[in-house]
Protein backbone atom coordinates (compact mmCIF):
# COMPACT_ATOMS: atom_id res chain seq x y z
CA UNK A 1 2.91 -53.33 8.74
CA UNK A 2 5.40 -50.83 7.30
CA UNK A 3 6.42 -47.96 9.43
CA UNK A 4 6.10 -44.57 7.69
CA UNK A 5 9.02 -42.21 7.27
CA UNK A 6 7.57 -39.83 9.81
CA UNK A 7 6.95 -42.65 12.37
CA UNK A 8 10.44 -43.90 11.80
CA UNK A 9 11.95 -40.49 12.41
CA UNK A 10 9.88 -39.97 15.66
CA UNK A 11 11.19 -43.36 16.86
CA UNK A 12 14.85 -42.43 16.07
CA UNK A 13 14.47 -38.98 17.75
CA UNK A 14 12.86 -40.65 20.88
CA UNK A 15 15.88 -43.07 21.13
CA UNK A 16 18.52 -40.31 20.68
CA UNK A 17 16.95 -38.37 23.49
CA UNK A 18 17.60 -41.48 25.74
CA UNK A 19 20.96 -42.50 24.45
CA UNK A 20 23.68 -42.00 27.20
CA UNK A 21 26.56 -43.39 25.25
CA UNK A 22 27.35 -45.58 22.14
CA UNK A 23 25.93 -48.66 23.65
CA UNK A 24 23.77 -47.58 26.52
CA UNK A 25 20.38 -46.15 26.78
CA UNK A 26 18.16 -45.21 29.80
CA UNK A 27 14.34 -45.16 29.88
CA UNK A 28 11.73 -45.63 32.64
CA UNK A 29 14.57 -45.92 35.19
CA UNK A 30 16.03 -48.92 33.32
CA UNK A 31 19.38 -49.26 31.54
CA UNK A 32 19.52 -50.90 28.10
CA UNK A 33 22.74 -52.21 26.45
CA UNK A 34 21.52 -52.98 23.03
CA UNK A 35 19.36 -51.19 20.48
CA UNK A 36 17.09 -54.14 20.02
CA UNK A 37 16.18 -54.19 23.78
CA UNK A 38 15.44 -50.33 23.98
CA UNK A 39 13.62 -50.67 20.65
CA UNK A 40 11.30 -53.49 21.96
CA UNK A 41 10.73 -51.51 25.18
CA UNK A 42 9.73 -48.32 23.19
CA UNK A 43 7.33 -50.29 20.96
CA UNK A 44 5.73 -51.97 23.74
CA UNK A 45 5.45 -49.22 26.50
CA UNK A 46 5.54 -45.92 24.59
CA UNK A 47 2.97 -46.37 21.94
CA UNK A 48 0.90 -43.44 23.34
CA UNK A 49 3.96 -41.02 23.40
CA UNK A 50 4.88 -42.04 19.83
CA UNK A 51 1.13 -41.44 18.72
CA UNK A 52 1.15 -38.07 20.42
CA UNK A 53 4.42 -36.98 18.87
CA UNK A 54 3.24 -38.15 15.48
CA UNK A 55 -0.06 -36.19 15.73
CA UNK A 56 1.88 -33.05 16.69
CA UNK A 57 4.27 -33.42 13.68
CA UNK A 58 1.24 -34.04 11.37
CA UNK A 59 -0.49 -30.95 12.61
CA UNK A 60 2.66 -28.88 12.23
CA UNK A 61 3.18 -30.18 8.59
CA UNK A 62 -0.43 -29.42 7.75
CA UNK A 63 -0.15 -25.91 9.35
CA UNK A 64 3.02 -25.23 7.39
CA UNK A 65 1.44 -26.38 4.07
CA UNK A 66 -1.59 -24.22 4.78
CA UNK A 67 0.69 -21.31 5.59
CA UNK A 68 2.55 -21.80 2.25
CA UNK A 69 -0.77 -22.04 0.40
CA UNK A 70 -2.09 -19.00 1.86
CA UNK A 71 1.14 -17.21 1.22
CA UNK A 72 1.12 -18.25 -2.35
CA UNK A 73 -2.42 -17.04 -2.81
CA UNK A 74 -1.66 -13.67 -1.07
CA UNK A 75 1.21 -13.09 -3.39
CA UNK A 76 -0.66 -13.72 -6.67
CA UNK A 77 -1.29 -10.80 -8.99
CA UNK A 78 -4.67 -9.35 -8.85
CA UNK A 79 -5.74 -9.85 -12.48
CA UNK A 80 -4.87 -11.45 -15.63
CA UNK A 81 -1.49 -10.14 -17.18
CA UNK A 82 -2.34 -7.16 -19.45
CA UNK A 83 -5.60 -6.25 -17.55
CA UNK A 84 -6.11 -3.04 -15.64
CA UNK A 85 -8.56 -1.57 -13.14
CA UNK A 86 -11.80 0.07 -14.31
CA UNK A 87 -11.72 3.96 -14.48
CA UNK A 88 -15.46 4.54 -14.70
CA UNK A 89 -18.50 3.55 -12.60
CA UNK A 90 -22.25 3.46 -13.30
CA UNK A 91 -24.46 2.21 -10.51
CA UNK A 92 -27.52 3.20 -8.49
CA UNK A 93 -26.20 2.75 -4.87
CA UNK A 94 -27.33 5.38 -2.50
CA UNK A 95 -24.12 7.34 -1.68
CA UNK A 96 -25.28 8.37 1.77
CA UNK A 97 -25.38 4.58 2.80
CA UNK A 98 -21.92 3.73 1.54
CA UNK A 99 -18.35 5.09 1.65
CA UNK A 100 -14.82 4.53 0.60
CA UNK A 101 -12.03 4.64 3.17
CA UNK A 102 -8.22 5.32 2.44
CA UNK A 103 -5.62 4.76 5.17
CA UNK A 104 -2.11 3.36 5.81
CA UNK A 105 0.08 2.77 8.62
CA UNK A 106 3.80 2.06 8.94
CA UNK A 107 4.15 -0.11 11.97
CA UNK A 108 5.62 -3.57 12.91
CA UNK A 109 3.21 -6.21 12.14
CA UNK A 110 4.13 -9.44 14.00
CA UNK A 111 2.22 -11.86 11.80
CA UNK A 112 1.58 -10.10 8.47
CA UNK A 113 0.29 -13.28 6.70
CA UNK A 114 -2.23 -14.03 9.38
CA UNK A 115 -3.29 -10.36 9.51
CA UNK A 116 -3.84 -10.61 5.72
CA UNK A 117 -6.02 -13.92 6.09
CA UNK A 118 -8.20 -12.14 8.85
CA UNK A 119 -8.70 -9.36 6.43
CA UNK A 120 -10.13 -11.83 3.91
CA UNK A 121 -12.85 -12.67 6.51
CA UNK A 122 -13.57 -9.22 7.80
CA UNK A 123 -13.59 -7.51 4.36
CA UNK A 124 -15.33 -10.35 2.31
CA UNK A 125 -18.41 -8.13 1.68
CA UNK A 126 -16.45 -5.16 0.52
CA UNK A 127 -14.21 -4.35 -2.46
CA UNK A 128 -10.87 -2.53 -2.72
CA UNK A 129 -7.19 -3.04 -2.20
CA UNK A 130 -5.24 -4.10 0.80
CA UNK A 131 -1.54 -4.45 0.99
CA UNK A 132 0.05 -5.92 4.04
CA UNK A 133 3.65 -6.33 4.92
CA UNK A 134 5.89 -6.59 7.98
CA UNK A 135 6.27 -2.84 7.74
CA UNK A 136 2.61 -2.03 7.88
CA UNK A 137 -0.79 -1.76 6.04
CA UNK A 138 -1.90 0.17 2.99
CA UNK A 139 -5.67 -0.03 2.24
CA UNK A 140 -8.45 1.46 0.19
CA UNK A 141 -11.92 -0.24 0.88
CA UNK A 142 -15.45 0.53 -0.21
CA UNK A 143 -18.72 -1.01 1.26
CA UNK A 144 -21.90 0.06 3.20
CA UNK A 145 -21.54 2.19 6.36
CA UNK A 146 -22.39 -0.73 8.46
CA UNK A 147 -19.71 -3.01 6.89
CA UNK A 148 -17.05 -0.22 7.18
CA UNK A 149 -17.84 0.38 10.76
CA UNK A 150 -17.79 -3.17 11.72
CA UNK A 151 -14.43 -3.63 9.97
CA UNK A 152 -12.87 -0.62 11.75
CA UNK A 153 -14.17 -1.63 15.08
CA UNK A 154 -12.19 -4.94 14.65
CA UNK A 155 -9.19 -3.44 13.10
CA UNK A 156 -8.63 -0.91 15.90
CA UNK A 157 -8.30 -3.71 18.40
CA UNK A 158 -5.60 -5.64 16.53
CA UNK A 159 -1.98 -5.66 17.35
CA UNK A 160 -0.90 -3.15 14.72
CA UNK A 161 -3.50 -0.52 15.95
CA UNK A 162 -3.77 -1.01 19.69
CA UNK A 163 -1.45 1.87 20.51
CA UNK A 164 -3.54 4.35 18.50
CA UNK A 165 -6.30 6.33 19.98
CA UNK A 166 -9.12 5.87 17.47
CA UNK A 167 -12.25 5.37 19.40
CA UNK A 168 -15.64 4.29 17.86
CA UNK A 169 -17.25 7.21 16.33
CA UNK A 170 -19.10 8.32 13.25
CA UNK A 171 -17.18 8.59 9.99
CA UNK A 172 -19.45 11.66 9.15
CA UNK A 173 -17.78 13.97 11.64
CA UNK A 174 -14.60 15.47 10.24
CA UNK A 175 -13.43 16.56 13.67
CA UNK A 176 -12.90 12.94 15.03
CA UNK A 177 -9.63 11.10 15.05
CA UNK A 178 -11.25 8.12 13.22
CA UNK A 179 -12.46 10.28 10.51
CA UNK A 180 -9.08 12.00 9.88
CA UNK A 181 -7.16 8.70 10.04
CA UNK A 182 -9.30 6.67 7.76
CA UNK A 183 -10.18 9.46 5.31
CA UNK A 184 -13.78 8.49 4.20
CA UNK A 185 -15.18 9.79 1.00
CA UNK A 186 -18.26 9.36 -1.16
CA UNK A 187 -18.51 6.16 -3.19
CA UNK A 188 -19.84 2.61 -3.04
CA UNK A 189 -18.41 -0.95 -3.59
CA UNK A 190 -18.59 -0.55 -7.27
CA UNK A 191 -15.83 1.81 -7.47
CA UNK A 192 -13.49 -1.34 -7.45
CA UNK A 193 -13.98 -4.33 -9.48
CA UNK A 194 -13.04 -6.81 -6.74
CA UNK A 195 -11.56 -7.28 -3.47
CA UNK A 196 -7.63 -7.79 -3.48
CA UNK A 197 -5.66 -8.57 -0.33
CA UNK A 198 -2.08 -9.20 -0.74
CA UNK A 199 0.99 -9.86 1.31
CA UNK A 200 3.95 -8.00 -0.05
CA UNK A 201 7.44 -6.94 0.72
CA UNK A 202 6.48 -3.24 0.90
CA UNK A 203 3.17 -1.58 1.43
CA UNK A 204 4.29 1.25 -0.92
CA UNK A 205 7.20 0.02 -3.13
CA UNK A 206 10.15 2.44 -3.10
CA UNK A 207 12.83 -0.27 -3.58
CA UNK A 208 15.31 1.25 -1.16
CA UNK A 209 16.44 -1.06 1.48
CA UNK A 210 17.87 1.85 3.40
CA UNK A 211 14.31 3.19 4.04
CA UNK A 212 13.15 0.84 6.72
CA UNK A 213 10.57 1.08 9.45
CA UNK A 214 13.09 2.21 11.98
CA UNK A 215 13.65 5.36 9.72
CA UNK A 216 9.95 6.09 9.61
CA UNK A 217 9.70 5.98 13.37
CA UNK A 218 12.40 8.51 14.09
CA UNK A 219 11.35 11.81 15.83
CA UNK A 220 12.70 13.95 13.21
CA UNK A 221 10.52 12.20 10.63
CA UNK A 222 7.38 12.72 12.71
CA UNK A 223 8.27 16.34 13.37
CA UNK A 224 8.54 16.95 9.54
CA UNK A 225 4.77 16.35 9.07
CA UNK A 226 2.75 19.44 8.52
CA UNK A 227 -0.97 19.73 9.20
CA UNK A 228 -2.98 21.05 6.19
CA UNK A 229 -3.37 24.48 7.75
CA UNK A 230 0.44 24.72 8.36
CA UNK A 231 1.22 23.39 4.88
CA UNK A 232 -1.19 26.04 3.45
CA UNK A 233 0.42 28.79 5.46
CA UNK A 234 4.00 27.89 4.48
CA UNK A 235 2.92 27.91 0.84
CA UNK A 236 1.20 31.35 1.04
CA UNK A 237 3.42 33.19 3.53
CA UNK A 238 6.84 31.47 3.50
CA UNK A 239 9.37 33.98 2.36
CA UNK A 240 12.37 31.58 2.28
CA UNK A 241 13.31 29.80 -0.90
CA UNK A 242 11.70 26.38 -1.03
CA UNK A 243 10.91 23.66 -3.33
CA UNK A 244 7.33 22.32 -3.47
CA UNK A 245 7.70 18.67 -4.84
CA UNK A 246 4.97 16.21 -5.96
CA UNK A 247 5.95 12.68 -5.21
CA UNK A 248 2.99 11.07 -7.31
CA UNK A 249 3.08 9.71 -10.92
CA UNK A 250 2.89 11.97 -13.91
CA UNK A 251 -0.64 11.09 -14.81
CA UNK A 252 -1.83 12.09 -11.32
CA UNK A 253 -0.19 15.55 -11.37
CA UNK A 254 -1.29 16.18 -14.94
CA UNK A 255 -4.89 16.65 -13.77
CA UNK A 256 -4.19 18.14 -10.36
CA UNK A 257 -1.37 19.67 -8.39
CA UNK A 258 -0.45 22.43 -5.83
CA UNK A 259 0.18 25.69 -7.45
CA UNK A 260 4.00 26.13 -8.23
CA UNK A 261 4.77 22.42 -7.62
CA UNK A 262 7.53 20.61 -9.39
CA UNK A 263 5.86 17.58 -10.99
CA UNK A 264 8.29 14.68 -11.93
CA UNK A 265 7.36 12.68 -14.99
CA UNK A 266 7.84 9.39 -13.31
CA UNK A 267 5.47 6.50 -14.08
CA UNK A 268 5.86 4.77 -10.78
CA UNK A 269 7.06 5.51 -7.28
CA UNK A 270 10.12 3.33 -7.42
CA UNK A 271 11.58 5.89 -9.99
CA UNK A 272 11.47 8.58 -7.46
CA UNK A 273 14.85 8.00 -5.80
CA UNK A 274 16.72 8.19 -9.16
CA UNK A 275 14.96 11.43 -9.84
CA UNK A 276 16.10 12.87 -6.57
CA UNK A 277 19.64 11.74 -7.11
CA UNK A 278 19.82 13.38 -10.43
CA UNK A 279 18.53 16.59 -9.09
CA UNK A 280 20.53 16.49 -5.83
CA UNK A 281 22.65 19.63 -6.69
CA UNK A 282 19.46 21.91 -7.45
CA UNK A 283 17.65 20.56 -4.34
CA UNK A 284 20.63 21.44 -2.04
CA UNK A 285 20.42 25.14 -3.08
CA UNK A 286 16.87 25.20 -1.57
CA UNK A 287 16.42 25.84 2.20
CA UNK A 288 13.29 23.67 2.42
CA UNK A 289 11.55 21.02 0.54
CA UNK A 290 7.76 20.49 0.92
CA UNK A 291 6.42 17.18 -0.47
CA UNK A 292 2.88 15.81 -0.92
CA UNK A 293 1.02 12.87 -2.24
CA UNK A 294 -2.52 11.49 -2.29
CA UNK A 295 -2.81 10.40 1.25
CA UNK A 296 0.61 10.62 2.89
CA UNK A 297 1.92 7.05 2.28
CA UNK A 298 4.42 7.89 -0.38
CA UNK A 299 5.58 11.05 1.23
CA UNK A 300 6.62 8.94 4.34
CA UNK A 301 9.16 7.05 2.37
CA UNK A 302 10.04 9.89 0.07
CA UNK A 303 10.90 12.31 2.87
CA UNK A 304 12.81 9.56 4.70
CA UNK A 305 14.84 8.86 1.65
CA UNK A 306 15.53 12.50 0.88
CA UNK A 307 16.70 13.19 4.54
CA UNK A 308 19.32 10.35 3.88
CA UNK A 309 20.35 11.82 0.56
CA UNK A 310 20.13 15.51 1.65
CA UNK A 311 21.04 15.61 5.28
CA UNK A 312 21.49 19.34 5.40
CA UNK A 313 18.07 20.18 3.73
CA UNK A 314 14.85 20.80 5.77
CA UNK A 315 12.27 18.14 4.46
CA UNK A 316 8.49 18.38 5.18
CA UNK A 317 5.47 16.58 4.08
CA UNK A 318 1.72 17.24 3.99
CA UNK A 319 0.35 15.01 6.75
CA UNK A 320 -2.63 13.11 5.35
CA UNK A 321 -1.85 14.18 1.74
CA UNK A 322 -4.06 16.07 -0.73
CA UNK A 323 -7.12 14.33 0.62
CA UNK A 324 -6.65 15.88 4.12
CA UNK A 325 -5.98 19.30 2.60
CA UNK A 326 -9.04 19.26 0.53
CA UNK A 327 -11.17 18.17 3.60
CA UNK A 328 -9.61 21.17 5.54
CA UNK A 329 -10.45 23.53 2.85
CA UNK A 330 -14.13 22.27 2.95
CA UNK A 331 -14.48 22.49 6.80
CA UNK A 332 -12.56 25.70 7.04
CA UNK A 333 -14.17 27.41 4.09
CA UNK A 334 -10.82 28.39 2.70
CA UNK A 335 -11.46 31.06 0.03
CA UNK A 336 -8.09 30.70 -1.89
CA UNK A 337 -6.94 27.21 -1.84
CA UNK A 338 -3.48 26.63 -3.38
CA UNK A 339 -4.77 23.21 -4.83
CA UNK A 340 -5.58 23.20 -8.50
CA UNK A 341 -7.50 20.65 -10.46
CA UNK A 342 -8.61 17.18 -9.32
CA UNK A 343 -7.01 14.55 -6.93
CA UNK A 344 -6.47 11.34 -8.78
CA UNK A 345 -7.67 8.28 -6.88
CA UNK A 346 -6.90 4.72 -7.84
CA UNK A 347 -10.47 3.43 -8.32
CA UNK A 348 -13.26 3.94 -10.89
CA UNK A 349 -14.22 7.34 -9.42
CA UNK A 350 -10.87 8.44 -11.03
CA UNK A 351 -10.64 11.85 -9.26
CA UNK A 352 -12.08 14.05 -6.54
CA UNK A 353 -12.18 17.84 -6.51
CA UNK A 354 -13.22 20.79 -4.53
CA UNK A 355 -16.53 22.55 -5.13
CA UNK A 356 -15.00 25.13 -7.37
CA UNK A 357 -12.33 23.06 -9.07
CA UNK A 358 -10.86 24.40 -12.28
CA UNK A 359 -9.86 22.08 -15.07
CA UNK A 360 -6.00 22.36 -15.50
CA UNK A 361 -5.40 19.65 -18.07
CA UNK A 362 -6.55 19.35 -21.74
CA UNK A 363 -7.69 16.97 -24.30
CA UNK A 364 -4.52 15.56 -26.01
CA UNK A 365 -6.37 15.87 -29.53
CA UNK A 366 -8.14 19.36 -29.56
CA UNK A 367 -6.49 21.00 -26.42
CA UNK A 368 -9.88 21.78 -24.93
CA UNK A 369 -9.95 21.68 -21.05
CA UNK A 370 -10.46 18.11 -19.99
CA UNK A 371 -9.59 15.86 -17.01
CA UNK A 372 -11.41 12.68 -17.39
CA UNK A 373 -8.98 9.78 -18.50
CA UNK A 374 -9.72 6.99 -20.73
CA UNK A 375 -7.41 3.94 -21.53
CA UNK A 376 -5.20 3.18 -24.41
CA UNK A 377 -6.68 0.18 -26.12
CA UNK A 378 -3.35 -1.51 -26.93
CA UNK A 379 -3.35 -4.58 -24.53
CA UNK A 380 0.35 -4.07 -23.48
CA UNK A 381 -0.10 -0.34 -22.81
CA UNK A 382 -3.42 0.58 -21.06
CA UNK A 383 -1.78 4.13 -20.65
CA UNK A 384 -4.18 6.71 -19.26
CA UNK A 385 -4.94 9.21 -21.88
CA UNK A 386 -7.07 12.44 -21.95
CA UNK A 387 -9.59 12.57 -24.85
CA UNK A 388 -12.74 14.73 -24.61
CA UNK A 389 -16.19 13.48 -25.59
CA UNK A 390 -15.84 15.19 -29.00
CA UNK A 391 -12.50 13.55 -29.88
CA UNK A 392 -12.88 10.12 -28.40
CA UNK A 393 -13.02 7.22 -30.76
CA UNK A 394 -13.53 3.37 -30.53
CA UNK A 395 -10.42 1.71 -29.38
CA UNK A 396 -8.46 4.77 -28.58
CA UNK A 397 -4.74 4.67 -28.56
CA UNK A 398 -2.24 6.94 -26.65
CA UNK A 399 -0.34 7.79 -29.98
CA UNK A 400 -0.24 6.59 -33.49
CA UNK A 401 2.89 4.54 -32.83
CA UNK A 402 1.56 2.53 -29.91
CA UNK A 403 1.72 -1.21 -30.40
CA UNK A 404 2.81 -4.41 -28.76
CA UNK A 405 6.43 -4.41 -29.91
CA UNK A 406 8.01 -1.08 -29.26
CA UNK A 407 8.13 1.95 -26.90
CA UNK A 408 5.71 4.39 -28.37
CA UNK A 409 6.36 8.09 -28.93
CA UNK A 410 4.33 9.30 -25.93
CA UNK A 411 6.41 6.98 -23.57
CA UNK A 412 9.57 8.10 -25.18
CA UNK A 413 8.57 11.77 -24.51
CA UNK A 414 7.70 10.90 -20.90
CA UNK A 415 11.16 9.23 -20.42
CA UNK A 416 12.79 12.36 -21.83
CA UNK A 417 10.88 14.67 -19.45
CA UNK A 418 11.79 12.44 -16.58
CA UNK A 419 15.37 13.05 -17.15
CA UNK A 420 15.13 16.78 -17.29
CA UNK A 421 16.61 18.54 -14.37
CA UNK A 422 14.67 20.85 -11.96
CA UNK A 423 14.96 24.36 -13.29
């Protein structure tokens, strides 16, 4: 019977471990002076040892193949190229029995691939987006109250969360640590089209190798986080010259922002560092910089990057982002919030607002107040566009020049605005 390559290698390794010199082997308290003698001994008296070694090797190979298979699946894009997420939802789910949670954590995850695989099991009845990397987790999930609670009861016992104090409690009480961390809001599983769990290099892609987990764990980084009430106080009472900077994308800030904020015309977060570098001289003239984003995850990296680029400037961020500020406004009955418009969210709900939210954006056709997005119908574009019910047409396009083969006029205008310096 022919010996397999794996079996042959196991025998060769077995013999090498027992070789004392070029022509001498020692095994079972016996000296062997020829390869054929030690070979016969091994095949006769160590069959069980060889079988066990082969079993271990085969199990290791299968585990490696499974790992690579899972890793490949976890890195696959969520949808077909040219597709995009839904921006509207129409369902009959009772909102009081469902919720959407939004959370992130920058922390060292020892086995991110296995952590992602575990999420596939614990989140199988939910929808949403989960991004896991060695640097942490970024997640938005939707499901029933029972499913969300079971998931959180498991999650808070895992390695990346064991050092946090997030005891089991109702996600309906805004005063609890669990509520504040996982940021629940009204919505059901239909606000997402599917469940997407991915293993990534970064949970929030900034593309800067200098902004690593160690930077995000420094004391000065933690001290730069402002609670919503302190952020509000600084915006309304601060006398020093400061810059209020939105770290989100331009289509987010178009429908909602903090009053007086600078809103970069960037299309994705990885463009933020270039924007800061172009405006370094202007920013250095300010005594302080206050930043904000949807839930805090982008500000974590944005402020860390800015502290490297502008070491003499005080940099702060709104802890928990716009979401936590709006929650604070509701619970504290704030009469004059400094937030204007809607908070864009990356699901079919599209945006969330305060009770007396004013519309700050307008229809791009008739200029009427409007804050509900539709999508450009050009397959290669899918740009979010503001068209009111009166102006909307079948297969809308962002501008008359939008097609598959060139950069359209509205994208050219955005790029021009992105390059404009802070005044």
